[in-house]
C-alpha cells in the first residue's frame, strides 16, 4: 500500500472486542439480580465495564442466547425469565436505573434503561 492507501485503511473492531464475549458480564449481572436481594453495586460494576453503545448491544446479545431471556432466580416463585433491559426495569427502582443511566452518560452512550 502506498502512503495514501495506508491513511484510508480502516481497522474495524468487533464490538465485543473490549468486553470479551460478554457472557462473563451477563453471568455476573444474572447472579447479582438473583436471590432475595439484588446486588445493585455488582450490577453497576459490570455496567462500568461497557465503553459504548456497541458494548451494550453486545451484552444484550450475550445475555439473550436463543430466546433473548435469562432466568433470574427469586425467593418465592423459583424465578422469572427476562430480557436484560426488562430485568433491570422490573427489578431496579427508578433511582437505581438512574445510576446506570448516569454510568452510560458518563461514557457518552445514548442508551438508557
C-alpha atoms as a PDB file:
ATOM      1  CA  UNK A   1       0.000   0.000   0.000  1.00  0.00           C
ATOM      2  CA  UNK A   2       1.205   3.486  -0.731  1.00  0.00           C
ATOM      3  CA  UNK A   3       1.015   6.179   1.954  1.00  0.00           C
ATOM      4  CA  UNK A   4      -2.328   7.469   0.658  1.00  0.00           C
ATOM      5  CA  UNK A   5      -3.852   3.984   0.789  1.00  0.00           C
ATOM      6  CA  UNK A   6      -2.478   3.403   4.288  1.00  0.00           C
ATOM      7  CA  UNK A   7      -4.219   6.523   5.558  1.00  0.00           C
ATOM      8  CA  UNK A   8      -7.511   5.361   4.065  1.00  0.00           C
ATOM      9  CA  UNK A   9      -7.281   1.886   5.574  1.00  0.00           C
ATOM     10  CA  UNK A  10      -9.820   1.479   8.342  1.00  0.00           C
ATOM     11  CA  UNK A  11      -9.398  -1.078  11.077  1.00  0.00           C
ATOM     12  CA  UNK A  12     -12.748  -2.396  12.233  1.00  0.00           C
ATOM     13  CA  UNK A  13     -13.054  -3.510  15.818  1.00  0.00           C
ATOM     14  CA  UNK A  14     -15.710  -6.035  16.689  1.00  0.00           C
ATOM     15  CA  UNK A  15     -17.994  -4.536  19.343  1.00  0.00           C
ATOM     16  CA  UNK A  16     -17.273  -7.464  21.640  1.00  0.00           C
ATOM     17  CA  UNK A  17     -13.548  -6.803  21.487  1.00  0.00           C
ATOM     18  CA  UNK A  18     -13.375  -4.796  24.688  1.00  0.00           C
ATOM     19  CA  UNK A  19     -15.743  -6.915  26.760  1.00  0.00           C
ATOM     20  CA  UNK A  20     -14.741 -10.381  25.584  1.00  0.00           C
ATOM     21  CA  UNK A  21     -17.783 -12.343  24.507  1.00  0.00           C
ATOM     22  CA  UNK A  22     -19.961 -10.501  27.020  1.00  0.00           C
ATOM     23  CA  UNK A  23     -21.030 -13.712  28.738  1.00  0.00           C
ATOM     24  CA  UNK A  24     -18.884 -13.088  31.815  1.00  0.00           C
ATOM     25  CA  UNK A  25     -20.607  -9.735  32.309  1.00  0.00           C
ATOM     26  CA  UNK A  26     -24.022 -11.271  31.620  1.00  0.00           C
ATOM     27  CA  UNK A  27     -23.339 -14.089  34.100  1.00  0.00           C
ATOM     28  CA  UNK A  28     -22.223 -11.620  36.789  1.00  0.00           C
ATOM     29  CA  UNK A  29     -25.338  -9.488  36.283  1.00  0.00           C
ATOM     30  CA  UNK A  30     -27.582 -12.553  36.369  1.00  0.00           C
ATOM     31  CA  UNK A  31     -26.021 -13.641  39.670  1.00  0.00           C
ATOM     32  CA  UNK A  32     -26.320 -10.107  41.108  1.00  0.00           C
ATOM     33  CA  UNK A  33     -30.012  -9.887  40.207  1.00  0.00           C
ATOM     34  CA  UNK A  34     -30.941 -13.309  41.574  1.00  0.00           C
ATOM     35  CA  UNK A  35     -31.985 -14.315  45.056  1.00  0.00           C
ATOM     36  CA  UNK A  36     -33.890 -12.380  47.683  1.00  0.00           C
ATOM     37  CA  UNK A  37     -31.941  -9.141  47.295  1.00  0.00           C
ATOM     38  CA  UNK A  38     -30.423  -7.654  44.185  1.00  0.00           C
ATOM     39  CA  UNK A  39     -26.780  -6.609  44.458  1.00  0.00           C
ATOM     40  CA  UNK A  40     -27.020  -3.228  42.752  1.00  0.00           C
ATOM     41  CA  UNK A  41     -23.346  -2.382  43.280  1.00  0.00           C
ATOM     42  CA  UNK A  42     -22.297  -5.562  41.477  1.00  0.00           C
ATOM     43  CA  UNK A  43     -24.523  -4.621  38.538  1.00  0.00           C
ATOM     44  CA  UNK A  44     -23.067  -1.085  38.464  1.00  0.00           C
ATOM     45  CA  UNK A  45     -19.559  -2.552  38.453  1.00  0.00           C
ATOM     46  CA  UNK A  46     -20.390  -4.642  35.399  1.00  0.00           C
ATOM     47  CA  UNK A  47     -22.052  -1.713  33.635  1.00  0.00           C
ATOM     48  CA  UNK A  48     -18.885   0.336  34.142  1.00  0.00           C
ATOM     49  CA  UNK A  49     -17.037  -2.248  32.043  1.00  0.00           C
ATOM     50  CA  UNK A  50     -19.022  -1.142  28.991  1.00  0.00           C
ATOM     51  CA  UNK A  51     -17.383   1.540  26.881  1.00  0.00           C
ATOM     52  CA  UNK A  52     -20.003   2.418  24.306  1.00  0.00           C
ATOM     53  CA  UNK A  53     -23.435   1.608  22.891  1.00  0.00           C
ATOM     54  CA  UNK A  54     -21.955  -1.205  20.801  1.00  0.00           C
ATOM     55  CA  UNK A  55     -20.756  -2.887  24.016  1.00  0.00           C
ATOM     56  CA  UNK A  56     -24.273  -2.527  25.474  1.00  0.00           C
ATOM     57  CA  UNK A  57     -25.790  -4.100  22.350  1.00  0.00           C
ATOM     58  CA  UNK A  58     -23.224  -6.909  22.519  1.00  0.00           C
ATOM     59  CA  UNK A  59     -24.036  -7.503  26.189  1.00  0.00           C
ATOM     60  CA  UNK A  60     -27.754  -7.760  25.440  1.00  0.00           C
ATOM     61  CA  UNK A  61     -26.961 -10.292  22.704  1.00  0.00           C
ATOM     62  CA  UNK A  62     -24.713 -12.276  25.061  1.00  0.00           C
ATOM     63  CA  UNK A  63     -27.447 -12.183  27.712  1.00  0.00           C
ATOM     64  CA  UNK A  64     -30.181 -13.414  25.432  1.00  0.00           C
ATOM     65  CA  UNK A  65     -28.982 -16.528  23.731  1.00  0.00           C
ATOM     66  CA  UNK A  66     -31.639 -18.195  21.593  1.00  0.00           C
ATOM     67  CA  UNK A  67     -34.789 -16.661  23.099  1.00  0.00           C
ATOM     68  CA  UNK A  68     -33.402 -13.347  24.347  1.00  0.00           C
ATOM     69  CA  UNK A  69     -34.057 -14.160  28.011  1.00  0.00           C
ATOM     70  CA  UNK A  70     -32.310 -15.457  31.120  1.00  0.00           C
ATOM     71  CA  UNK A  71     -33.740 -16.893  34.298  1.00  0.00           C
ATOM     72  CA  UNK A  72     -33.493 -14.633  37.336  1.00  0.00           C
ATOM     73  CA  UNK A  73     -33.946 -16.697  40.494  1.00  0.00           C
ATOM     74  CA  UNK A  74     -36.080 -15.269  43.290  1.00  0.00           C
ATOM     75  CA  UNK A  75     -37.061 -16.261  46.833  1.00  0.00           C
ATOM     76  CA  UNK A  76     -40.705 -17.078  46.239  1.00  0.00           C
ATOM     77  CA  UNK A  77     -41.529 -18.373  42.784  1.00  0.00           C
ATOM     78  CA  UNK A  78     -38.332 -20.015  41.618  1.00  0.00           C
ATOM     79  CA  UNK A  79     -37.598 -17.344  39.053  1.00  0.00           C
ATOM     80  CA  UNK A  80     -38.690 -15.438  36.003  1.00  0.00           C
ATOM     81  CA  UNK A  81     -37.136 -15.239  32.562  1.00  0.00           C
ATOM     82  CA  UNK A  82     -36.308 -11.718  31.421  1.00  0.00           C
ATOM     83  CA  UNK A  83     -34.533  -9.965  28.599  1.00  0.00           C
ATOM     84  CA  UNK A  84     -31.744  -7.883  30.174  1.00  0.00           C
ATOM     85  CA  UNK A  85     -33.394  -4.468  29.869  1.00  0.00           C
ATOM     86  CA  UNK A  86     -36.703  -5.816  31.169  1.00  0.00           C
ATOM     87  CA  UNK A  87     -34.930  -7.414  34.147  1.00  0.00           C
ATOM     88  CA  UNK A  88     -33.398  -4.076  35.082  1.00  0.00           C
ATOM     89  CA  UNK A  89     -36.707  -2.231  34.641  1.00  0.00           C
ATOM     90  CA  UNK A  90     -38.645  -4.760  36.721  1.00  0.00           C
ATOM     91  CA  UNK A  91     -36.099  -5.426  39.465  1.00  0.00           C
ATOM     92  CA  UNK A  92     -34.498  -1.996  39.941  1.00  0.00           C
ATOM     93  CA  UNK A  93     -36.124   1.159  41.244  1.00  0.00           C
ATOM     94  CA  UNK A  94     -36.058   4.292  39.105  1.00  0.00           C
ATOM     95  CA  UNK A  95     -33.245   5.649  41.294  1.00  0.00           C
ATOM     96  CA  UNK A  96     -31.185   2.501  40.661  1.00  0.00           C
ATOM     97  CA  UNK A  97     -31.845   2.706  36.915  1.00  0.00           C
ATOM     98  CA  UNK A  98     -30.795   6.359  37.048  1.00  0.00           C
ATOM     99  CA  UNK A  99     -27.389   5.267  38.354  1.00  0.00           C
ATOM    100  CA  UNK A 100     -26.980   3.000  35.320  1.00  0.00           C
ATOM    101  CA  UNK A 101     -28.104   5.818  33.047  1.00  0.00           C
ATOM    102  CA  UNK A 102     -25.514   8.098  34.660  1.00  0.00           C
ATOM    103  CA  UNK A 103     -22.831   5.472  34.032  1.00  0.00           C
ATOM    104  CA  UNK A 104     -23.906   5.300  30.381  1.00  0.00           C
ATOM    105  CA  UNK A 105     -23.990   9.105  30.056  1.00  0.00           C
ATOM    106  CA  UNK A 106     -20.509   9.414  31.569  1.00  0.00           C
ATOM    107  CA  UNK A 107     -19.215   7.279  28.697  1.00  0.00           C
ATOM    108  CA  UNK A 108     -21.049   9.270  26.048  1.00  0.00           C
ATOM    109  CA  UNK A 109     -23.533   6.463  25.471  1.00  0.00           C
ATOM    110  CA  UNK A 110     -27.001   7.247  24.162  1.00  0.00           C
ATOM    111  CA  UNK A 111     -28.602   4.075  25.560  1.00  0.00           C
ATOM    112  CA  UNK A 112     -30.777   4.388  28.651  1.00  0.00           C
ATOM    113  CA  UNK A 113     -32.699   1.981  30.874  1.00  0.00           C
END
